[in-house]
Amino acid sequence: MLEIVEDGTVRATRFTLGSEPTDPELYEFLRRHGVALLERATSSPPVPSGGREAKRVNPKRAAKLAARAAAGVSRRSTASADTRHRHR
């Protein structure tokens, strides 16, 4: 992902490399294709940056939320879970 931030706007482009490249592979890629990536990012439409970075989610929490979403399980409060167990 290449982002150009200036004057409250962001221009960006993305290139998928496949498996994670080594440092020498990444250097070689940028040496060969870096100018084209910059041109693509520069020609992309500017989007307001919003002034704030998105809040980072803890990776373990993100994995837990993704697993819940995949299973279709909604989050229940502890109080409702306690009530459910008492009435059995």
PDB file of N, CA and C in Angstrom:
ATOM      1  N   MET A   1       0.848  -1.162   0.000  1.00  0.00           N
ATOM      2  CA  MET A   1       0.000   0.000   0.000  1.00  0.00           C
ATOM      3  C   MET A   1       0.895   1.227   0.000  1.00  0.00           C
ATOM      4  N   LEU A   2       0.613   2.123  -0.887  1.00  0.00           N
ATOM      5  CA  LEU A   2       1.359   3.373  -0.950  1.00  0.00           C
ATOM      6  C   LEU A   2       0.353   4.499  -0.776  1.00  0.00           C
ATOM      7  N   GLU A   3       0.553   5.347   0.225  1.00  0.00           N
ATOM      8  CA  GLU A   3      -0.328   6.470   0.495  1.00  0.00           C
ATOM      9  C   GLU A   3       0.460   7.767   0.407  1.00  0.00           C
ATOM     10  N   ILE A   4      -0.151   8.749  -0.232  1.00  0.00           N
ATOM     11  CA  ILE A   4       0.428  10.088  -0.298  1.00  0.00           C
ATOM     12  C   ILE A   4      -0.541  11.006   0.442  1.00  0.00           C
ATOM     13  N   VAL A   5      -0.088  11.577   1.559  1.00  0.00           N
ATOM     14  CA  VAL A   5      -0.930  12.447   2.376  1.00  0.00           C
ATOM     15  C   VAL A   5      -0.415  13.872   2.220  1.00  0.00           C
ATOM     16  N   GLU A   6      -1.312  14.772   1.766  1.00  0.00           N
ATOM     17  CA  GLU A   6      -0.941  16.172   1.666  1.00  0.00           C
ATOM     18  C   GLU A   6      -2.194  17.042   1.665  1.00  0.00           C
ATOM     19  N   ASP A   7      -2.119  18.165   2.323  1.00  0.00           N
ATOM     20  CA  ASP A   7      -3.205  19.143   2.381  1.00  0.00           C
ATOM     21  C   ASP A   7      -4.526  18.536   2.839  1.00  0.00           C
ATOM     22  N   GLY A   8      -4.486  17.624   3.810  1.00  0.00           N
ATOM     23  CA  GLY A   8      -5.714  17.046   4.353  1.00  0.00           C
ATOM     24  C   GLY A   8      -6.378  16.007   3.475  1.00  0.00           C
ATOM     25  N   THR A   9      -5.680  15.558   2.431  1.00  0.00           N
ATOM     26  CA  THR A   9      -6.229  14.510   1.560  1.00  0.00           C
ATOM     27  C   THR A   9      -5.254  13.342   1.466  1.00  0.00           C
ATOM     28  N   VAL A  10      -5.782  12.219   1.024  1.00  0.00           N
ATOM     29  CA  VAL A  10      -4.972  11.019   0.841  1.00  0.00           C
ATOM     30  C   VAL A  10      -5.193  10.495  -0.569  1.00  0.00           C
ATOM     31  N   ARG A  11      -4.122  10.150  -1.216  1.00  0.00           N
ATOM     32  CA  ARG A  11      -4.163   9.443  -2.509  1.00  0.00           C
ATOM     33  C   ARG A  11      -3.439   8.125  -2.257  1.00  0.00           C
ATOM     34  N   ALA A  12      -3.977   7.034  -2.797  1.00  0.00           N
ATOM     35  CA  ALA A  12      -3.372   5.743  -2.478  1.00  0.00           C
ATOM     36  C   ALA A  12      -3.463   4.780  -3.652  1.00  0.00           C
ATOM     37  N   THR A  13      -2.576   3.803  -3.617  1.00  0.00           N
ATOM     38  CA  THR A  13      -2.622   2.686  -4.552  1.00  0.00           C
ATOM     39  C   THR A  13      -2.120   1.457  -3.810  1.00  0.00           C
ATOM     40  N   ARG A  14      -2.484   0.300  -4.330  1.00  0.00           N
ATOM     41  CA  ARG A  14      -2.097  -0.947  -3.681  1.00  0.00           C
ATOM     42  C   ARG A  14      -1.601  -1.921  -4.741  1.00  0.00           C
ATOM     43  N   PHE A  15      -0.615  -2.683  -4.368  1.00  0.00           N
ATOM     44  CA  PHE A  15      -0.092  -3.731  -5.242  1.00  0.00           C
ATOM     45  C   PHE A  15       0.109  -4.967  -4.387  1.00  0.00           C
ATOM     46  N   THR A  16      -0.497  -6.075  -4.784  1.00  0.00           N
ATOM     47  CA  THR A  16      -0.388  -7.320  -4.025  1.00  0.00           C
ATOM     48  C   THR A  16       0.789  -8.119  -4.550  1.00  0.00           C
ATOM     49  N   LEU A  17       1.706  -8.454  -3.644  1.00  0.00           N
ATOM     50  CA  LEU A  17       2.924  -9.162  -4.026  1.00  0.00           C
ATOM     51  C   LEU A  17       2.817 -10.676  -3.853  1.00  0.00           C
ATOM     52  N   GLY A  18       1.781 -11.161  -3.215  1.00  0.00           N
ATOM     53  CA  GLY A  18       1.682 -12.596  -2.947  1.00  0.00           C
ATOM     54  C   GLY A  18       2.283 -12.895  -1.592  1.00  0.00           C
ATOM     55  N   SER A  19       3.152 -13.882  -1.543  1.00  0.00           N
ATOM     56  CA  SER A  19       3.778 -14.208  -0.253  1.00  0.00           C
ATOM     57  C   SER A  19       4.660 -13.040   0.186  1.00  0.00           C
ATOM     58  N   GLU A  20       4.915 -12.958   1.471  1.00  0.00           N
ATOM     59  CA  GLU A  20       5.684 -11.835   2.003  1.00  0.00           C
ATOM     60  C   GLU A  20       7.092 -11.838   1.417  1.00  0.00           C
ATOM     61  N   PRO A  21       7.467 -10.729   0.748  1.00  0.00           N
ATOM     62  CA  PRO A  21       8.787 -10.691   0.114  1.00  0.00           C
ATOM     63  C   PRO A  21       9.889 -10.455   1.143  1.00  0.00           C
ATOM     64  N   THR A  22      11.076 -10.893   0.789  1.00  0.00           N
ATOM     65  CA  THR A  22      12.243 -10.593   1.624  1.00  0.00           C
ATOM     66  C   THR A  22      12.632  -9.140   1.361  1.00  0.00           C
ATOM     67  N   ASP A  23      13.489  -8.600   2.186  1.00  0.00           N
ATOM     68  CA  ASP A  23      13.939  -7.214   1.992  1.00  0.00           C
ATOM     69  C   ASP A  23      14.609  -7.013   0.625  1.00  0.00           C
ATOM     70  N   PRO A  24      15.500  -7.917   0.199  1.00  0.00           N
ATOM     71  CA  PRO A  24      16.104  -7.729  -1.129  1.00  0.00           C
ATOM     72  C   PRO A  24      15.070  -7.799  -2.263  1.00  0.00           C
ATOM     73  N   GLU A  25      14.070  -8.679  -2.127  1.00  0.00           N
ATOM     74  CA  GLU A  25      13.028  -8.766  -3.160  1.00  0.00           C
ATOM     75  C   GLU A  25      12.201  -7.486  -3.205  1.00  0.00           C
ATOM     76  N   LEU A  26      11.871  -6.952  -2.031  1.00  0.00           N
ATOM     77  CA  LEU A  26      11.107  -5.712  -1.967  1.00  0.00           C
ATOM     78  C   LEU A  26      11.908  -4.546  -2.548  1.00  0.00           C
ATOM     79  N   TYR A  27      13.179  -4.483  -2.229  1.00  0.00           N
ATOM     80  CA  TYR A  27      14.045  -3.438  -2.776  1.00  0.00           C
ATOM     81  C   TYR A  27      14.073  -3.523  -4.302  1.00  0.00           C
ATOM     82  N   GLU A  28      14.234  -4.712  -4.832  1.00  0.00           N
ATOM     83  CA  GLU A  28      14.285  -4.897  -6.282  1.00  0.00           C
ATOM     84  C   GLU A  28      12.953  -4.510  -6.930  1.00  0.00           C
ATOM     85  N   PHE A  29      11.849  -4.903  -6.298  1.00  0.00           N
ATOM     86  CA  PHE A  29      10.529  -4.539  -6.820  1.00  0.00           C
ATOM     87  C   PHE A  29      10.381  -3.014  -6.873  1.00  0.00           C
ATOM     88  N   LEU A  30      10.744  -2.334  -5.769  1.00  0.00           N
ATOM     89  CA  LEU A  30      10.620  -0.878  -5.735  1.00  0.00           C
ATOM     90  C   LEU A  30      11.561  -0.203  -6.730  1.00  0.00           C
ATOM     91  N   ARG A  31      12.740  -0.776  -6.902  1.00  0.00           N
ATOM     92  CA  ARG A  31      13.680  -0.221  -7.878  1.00  0.00           C
ATOM     93  C   ARG A  31      13.095  -0.278  -9.285  1.00  0.00           C
ATOM     94  N   ARG A  32      12.428  -1.389  -9.600  1.00  0.00           N
ATOM     95  CA  ARG A  32      11.873  -1.565 -10.948  1.00  0.00           C
ATOM     96  C   ARG A  32      10.519  -0.887 -11.142  1.00  0.00           C
ATOM     97  N   HIS A  33       9.661  -0.914 -10.115  1.00  0.00           N
ATOM     98  CA  HIS A  33       8.275  -0.482 -10.286  1.00  0.00           C
ATOM     99  C   HIS A  33       7.872   0.694  -9.394  1.00  0.00           C
ATOM    100  N   GLY A  34       8.804   1.250  -8.634  1.00  0.00           N
ATOM    101  CA  GLY A  34       8.485   2.322  -7.703  1.00  0.00           C
ATOM    102  C   GLY A  34       7.914   3.562  -8.365  1.00  0.00           C
ATOM    103  N   VAL A  35       8.478   3.964  -9.497  1.00  0.00           N
ATOM    104  CA  VAL A  35       8.000   5.156 -10.201  1.00  0.00           C
ATOM    105  C   VAL A  35       6.571   4.944 -10.689  1.00  0.00           C
ATOM    106  N   ALA A  36       6.277   3.759 -11.215  1.00  0.00           N
ATOM    107  CA  ALA A  36       4.918   3.463 -11.685  1.00  0.00           C
ATOM    108  C   ALA A  36       3.919   3.491 -10.523  1.00  0.00           C
ATOM    109  N   LEU A  37       4.335   2.973  -9.357  1.00  0.00           N
ATOM    110  CA  LEU A  37       3.460   3.018  -8.183  1.00  0.00           C
ATOM    111  C   LEU A  37       3.184   4.461  -7.763  1.00  0.00           C
ATOM    112  N   LEU A  38       4.213   5.289  -7.760  1.00  0.00           N
ATOM    113  CA  LEU A  38       4.030   6.700  -7.423  1.00  0.00           C
ATOM    114  C   LEU A  38       3.103   7.390  -8.411  1.00  0.00           C
ATOM    115  N   GLU A  39       3.246   7.079  -9.697  1.00  0.00           N
ATOM    116  CA  GLU A  39       2.370   7.671 -10.709  1.00  0.00           C
ATOM    117  C   GLU A  39       0.922   7.231 -10.515  1.00  0.00           C
ATOM    118  N   ARG A  40       0.725   5.938 -10.174  1.00  0.00           N
ATOM    119  CA  ARG A  40      -0.636   5.445  -9.926  1.00  0.00           C
ATOM    120  C   ARG A  40      -1.247   6.132  -8.717  1.00  0.00           C
ATOM    121  N   ALA A  41      -0.488   6.283  -7.655  1.00  0.00           N
ATOM    122  CA  ALA A  41      -1.007   6.935  -6.445  1.00  0.00           C
ATOM    123  C   ALA A  41      -1.302   8.407  -6.722  1.00  0.00           C
ATOM    124  N   THR A  42      -0.423   9.072  -7.449  1.00  0.00           N
ATOM    125  CA  THR A  42      -0.599  10.491  -7.762  1.00  0.00           C
ATOM    126  C   THR A  42      -1.822  10.713  -8.642  1.00  0.00           C
ATOM    127  N   SER A  43      -2.117   9.769  -9.532  1.00  0.00           N
ATOM    128  CA  SER A  43      -3.255   9.936 -10.434  1.00  0.00           C
ATOM    129  C   SER A  43      -4.581   9.475  -9.822  1.00  0.00           C
ATOM    130  N   SER A  44      -4.540   8.858  -8.645  1.00  0.00           N
ATOM    131  CA  SER A  44      -5.776   8.425  -7.997  1.00  0.00           C
ATOM    132  C   SER A  44      -6.503   9.643  -7.425  1.00  0.00           C
ATOM    133  N   PRO A  45      -7.832   9.569  -7.307  1.00  0.00           N
ATOM    134  CA  PRO A  45      -8.575  10.730  -6.791  1.00  0.00           C
ATOM    135  C   PRO A  45      -8.272  10.969  -5.322  1.00  0.00           C
ATOM    136  N   PRO A  46      -8.136  12.239  -4.922  1.00  0.00           N
ATOM    137  CA  PRO A  46      -7.867  12.538  -3.518  1.00  0.00           C
ATOM    138  C   PRO A  46      -9.110  12.302  -2.661  1.00  0.00           C
ATOM    139  N   VAL A  47      -8.900  11.784  -1.468  1.00  0.00           N
ATOM    140  CA  VAL A  47      -9.972  11.520  -0.517  1.00  0.00           C
ATOM    141  C   VAL A  47      -9.646  12.272   0.761  1.00  0.00           C
ATOM    142  N   PRO A  48     -10.636  12.940   1.368  1.00  0.00           N
ATOM    143  CA  PRO A  48     -10.334  13.638   2.627  1.00  0.00           C
ATOM    144  C   PRO A  48      -9.777  12.666   3.657  1.00  0.00           C
ATOM    145  N   SER A  49      -8.713  13.088   4.349  1.00  0.00           N
ATOM    146  CA  SER A  49      -8.069  12.181   5.303  1.00  0.00           C
ATOM    147  C   SER A  49      -8.819  12.089   6.614  1.00  0.00           C
ATOM    148  N   GLY A  50      -9.668  13.044   6.931  1.00  0.00           N
ATOM    149  CA  GLY A  50     -10.438  12.982   8.161  1.00  0.00           C
ATOM    150  C   GLY A  50      -9.646  13.436   9.373  1.00  0.00           C
ATOM    151  N   GLY A  51      -8.350  13.617   9.249  1.00  0.00           N
ATOM    152  CA  GLY A  51      -7.541  14.153  10.326  1.00  0.00           C
ATOM    153  C   GLY A  51      -7.180  13.171  11.423  1.00  0.00           C
ATOM    154  N   ARG A  52      -7.838  12.015  11.504  1.00  0.00           N
ATOM    155  CA  ARG A  52      -7.531  11.041  12.556  1.00  0.00           C
ATOM    156  C   ARG A  52      -7.261   9.693  11.952  1.00  0.00           C
ATOM    157  N   GLU A  53      -6.312   9.008  12.526  1.00  0.00           N
ATOM    158  CA  GLU A  53      -6.031   7.628  12.129  1.00  0.00           C
ATOM    159  C   GLU A  53      -7.114   6.730  12.712  1.00  0.00           C
ATOM    160  N   ALA A  54      -7.419   5.642  12.045  1.00  0.00           N
ATOM    161  CA  ALA A  54      -8.368   4.674  12.577  1.00  0.00           C
ATOM    162  C   ALA A  54      -7.762   4.012  13.813  1.00  0.00           C
ATOM    163  N   LYS A  55      -8.607   3.737  14.789  1.00  0.00           N
ATOM    164  CA  LYS A  55      -8.125   3.105  16.017  1.00  0.00           C
ATOM    165  C   LYS A  55      -7.730   1.665  15.720  1.00  0.00           C
ATOM    166  N   ARG A  56      -6.527   1.299  16.144  1.00  0.00           N
ATOM    167  CA  ARG A  56      -6.050  -0.070  15.935  1.00  0.00           C
ATOM    168  C   ARG A  56      -6.702  -1.003  16.927  1.00  0.00           C
ATOM    169  N   VAL A  57      -7.166  -2.133  16.403  1.00  0.00           N
ATOM    170  CA  VAL A  57      -7.773  -3.151  17.247  1.00  0.00           C
ATOM    171  C   VAL A  57      -6.693  -4.161  17.610  1.00  0.00           C
ATOM    172  N   ASN A  58      -6.708  -4.603  18.871  1.00  0.00           N
ATOM    173  CA  ASN A  58      -5.778  -5.632  19.310  1.00  0.00           C
ATOM    174  C   ASN A  58      -5.937  -6.849  18.387  1.00  0.00           C
ATOM    175  N   PRO A  59      -4.853  -7.411  17.850  1.00  0.00           N
ATOM    176  CA  PRO A  59      -4.962  -8.539  16.920  1.00  0.00           C
ATOM    177  C   PRO A  59      -5.706  -9.743  17.501  1.00  0.00           C
ATOM    178  N   LYS A  60      -5.518 -10.014  18.789  1.00  0.00           N
ATOM    179  CA  LYS A  60      -6.240 -11.139  19.393  1.00  0.00           C
ATOM    180  C   LYS A  60      -7.734 -10.860  19.424  1.00  0.00           C
ATOM    181  N   ARG A  61      -8.106  -9.610  19.737  1.00  0.00           N
ATOM    182  CA  ARG A  61      -9.519  -9.238  19.754  1.00  0.00           C
ATOM    183  C   ARG A  61     -10.105  -9.302  18.353  1.00  0.00           C
ATOM    184  N   ALA A  62      -9.346  -8.849  17.359  1.00  0.00           N
ATOM    185  CA  ALA A  62      -9.822  -8.907  15.981  1.00  0.00           C
ATOM    186  C   ALA A  62     -10.065 -10.350  15.549  1.00  0.00           C
ATOM    187  N   ALA A  63      -9.178 -11.268  15.928  1.00  0.00           N
ATOM    188  CA  ALA A  63      -9.349 -12.682  15.583  1.00  0.00           C
ATOM    189  C   ALA A  63     -10.583 -13.248  16.273  1.00  0.00           C
ATOM    190  N   LYS A  64     -10.788 -12.863  17.523  1.00  0.00           N
ATOM    191  CA  LYS A  64     -11.949 -13.340  18.263  1.00  0.00           C
ATOM    192  C   LYS A  64     -13.246 -12.834  17.622  1.00  0.00           C
ATOM    193  N   LEU A  65     -13.279 -11.554  17.245  1.00  0.00           N
ATOM    194  CA  LEU A  65     -14.463 -10.985  16.611  1.00  0.00           C
ATOM    195  C   LEU A  65     -14.722 -11.633  15.256  1.00  0.00           C
ATOM    196  N   ALA A  66     -13.668 -11.919  14.508  1.00  0.00           N
ATOM    197  CA  ALA A  66     -13.817 -12.565  13.204  1.00  0.00           C
ATOM    198  C   ALA A  66     -14.358 -13.982  13.369  1.00  0.00           C
ATOM    199  N   ALA A  67     -13.885 -14.696  14.375  1.00  0.00           N
ATOM    200  CA  ALA A  67     -14.373 -16.057  14.621  1.00  0.00           C
ATOM    201  C   ALA A  67     -15.845 -16.032  15.005  1.00  0.00           C
ATOM    202  N   ARG A  68     -16.235 -15.060  15.833  1.00  0.00           N
ATOM    203  CA  ARG A  68     -17.644 -14.929  16.208  1.00  0.00           C
ATOM    204  C   ARG A  68     -18.510 -14.619  14.997  1.00  0.00           C
ATOM    205  N   ALA A  69     -18.035 -13.711  14.151  1.00  0.00           N
ATOM    206  CA  ALA A  69     -18.797 -13.334  12.961  1.00  0.00           C
ATOM    207  C   ALA A  69     -18.941 -14.526  12.019  1.00  0.00           C
ATOM    208  N   ALA A  70     -17.888 -15.303  11.868  1.00  0.00           N
ATOM    209  CA  ALA A  70     -17.939 -16.473  10.994  1.00  0.00           C
ATOM    210  C   ALA A  70     -18.901 -17.528  11.538  1.00  0.00           C
ATOM    211  N   ALA A  71     -18.979 -17.640  12.860  1.00  0.00           N
ATOM    212  CA  ALA A  71     -19.858 -18.620  13.487  1.00  0.00           C
ATOM    213  C   ALA A  71     -21.289 -18.101  13.613  1.00  0.00           C
ATOM    214  N   GLY A  72     -21.483 -16.795  13.369  1.00  0.00           N
ATOM    215  CA  GLY A  72     -22.812 -16.211  13.480  1.00  0.00           C
ATOM    216  C   GLY A  72     -23.263 -16.024  14.916  1.00  0.00           C
ATOM    217  N   VAL A  73     -22.330 -15.949  15.843  1.00  0.00           N
ATOM    218  CA  VAL A  73     -22.644 -15.803  17.258  1.00  0.00           C
ATOM    219  C   VAL A  73     -22.610 -14.327  17.610  1.00  0.00           C
ATOM    220  N   SER A  74     -23.666 -13.851  18.262  1.00  0.00           N
ATOM    221  CA  SER A  74     -23.669 -12.465  18.712  1.00  0.00           C
ATOM    222  C   SER A  74     -23.120 -12.416  20.126  1.00  0.00           C
ATOM    223  N   ARG A  75     -22.620 -11.271  20.497  1.00  0.00           N
ATOM    224  CA  ARG A  75     -22.061 -11.118  21.838  1.00  0.00           C
ATOM    225  C   ARG A  75     -23.202 -10.932  22.827  1.00  0.00           C
ATOM    226  N   ARG A  76     -23.190 -11.683  23.900  1.00  0.00           N
ATOM    227  CA  ARG A  76     -24.210 -11.579  24.935  1.00  0.00           C
ATOM    228  C   ARG A  76     -23.574 -11.005  26.174  1.00  0.00           C
ATOM    229  N   SER A  77     -24.383 -10.288  26.936  1.00  0.00           N
ATOM    230  CA  SER A  77     -23.845  -9.727  28.172  1.00  0.00           C
ATOM    231  C   SER A  77     -23.705 -10.840  29.203  1.00  0.00           C
ATOM    232  N   THR A  78     -22.844 -10.623  30.164  1.00  0.00           N
ATOM    233  CA  THR A  78     -22.622 -11.598  31.226  1.00  0.00           C
ATOM    234  C   THR A  78     -23.898 -11.792  32.037  1.00  0.00           C
ATOM    235  N   ALA A  79     -24.659 -10.725  32.243  1.00  0.00           N
ATOM    236  CA  ALA A  79     -25.880 -10.811  33.028  1.00  0.00           C
ATOM    237  C   ALA A  79     -26.891 -11.745  32.368  1.00  0.00           C
ATOM    238  N   SER A  80     -27.060 -11.644  31.058  1.00  0.00           N
ATOM    239  CA  SER A  80     -28.024 -12.513  30.383  1.00  0.00           C
ATOM    240  C   SER A  80     -27.537 -13.960  30.394  1.00  0.00           C
ATOM    241  N   ALA A  81     -26.231 -14.171  30.310  1.00  0.00           N
ATOM    242  CA  ALA A  81     -25.698 -15.528  30.355  1.00  0.00           C
ATOM    243  C   ALA A  81     -25.920 -16.132  31.736  1.00  0.00           C
ATOM    244  N   ASP A  82     -25.722 -15.315  32.797  1.00  0.00           N
ATOM    245  CA  ASP A  82     -25.960 -15.795  34.165  1.00  0.00           C
ATOM    246  C   ASP A  82     -27.424 -16.131  34.374  1.00  0.00           C
ATOM    247  N   THR A  83     -28.323 -15.315  33.886  1.00  0.00           N
ATOM    248  CA  THR A  83     -29.749 -15.534  34.019  1.00  0.00           C
ATOM    249  C   THR A  83     -30.151 -16.824  33.291  1.00  0.00           C
ATOM    250  N   ARG A  84     -29.614 -17.034  32.124  1.00  0.00           N
ATOM    251  CA  ARG A  84     -29.936 -18.205  31.330  1.00  0.00           C
ATOM    252  C   ARG A  84     -29.528 -19.470  32.086  1.00  0.00           C
ATOM    253  N   HIS A  85     -28.380 -19.454  32.744  1.00  0.00           N
ATOM    254  CA  HIS A  85     -27.904 -20.638  33.461  1.00  0.00           C
ATOM    255  C   HIS A  85     -28.709 -20.889  34.733  1.00  0.00           C
ATOM    256  N   ARG A  86     -29.201 -19.851  35.369  1.00  0.00           N
ATOM    257  CA  ARG A  86     -29.957 -20.013  36.607  1.00  0.00           C
ATOM    258  C   ARG A  86     -31.327 -20.630  36.385  1.00  0.00           C
ATOM    259  N   HIS A  87     -31.938 -20.367  35.232  1.00  0.00           N
ATOM    260  CA  HIS A  87     -33.287 -20.827  34.973  1.00  0.00           C
ATOM    261  C   HIS A  87     -33.375 -22.226  34.394  1.00  0.00           C
ATOM    262  N   ARG A  88     -32.282 -22.896  34.279  1.00  0.00           N
ATOM    263  CA  ARG A  88     -32.280 -24.259  33.722  1.00  0.00           C
ATOM    264  C   ARG A  88     -32.709 -25.261  34.710  1.00  0.00           C
TER     265      ARG A  88
END
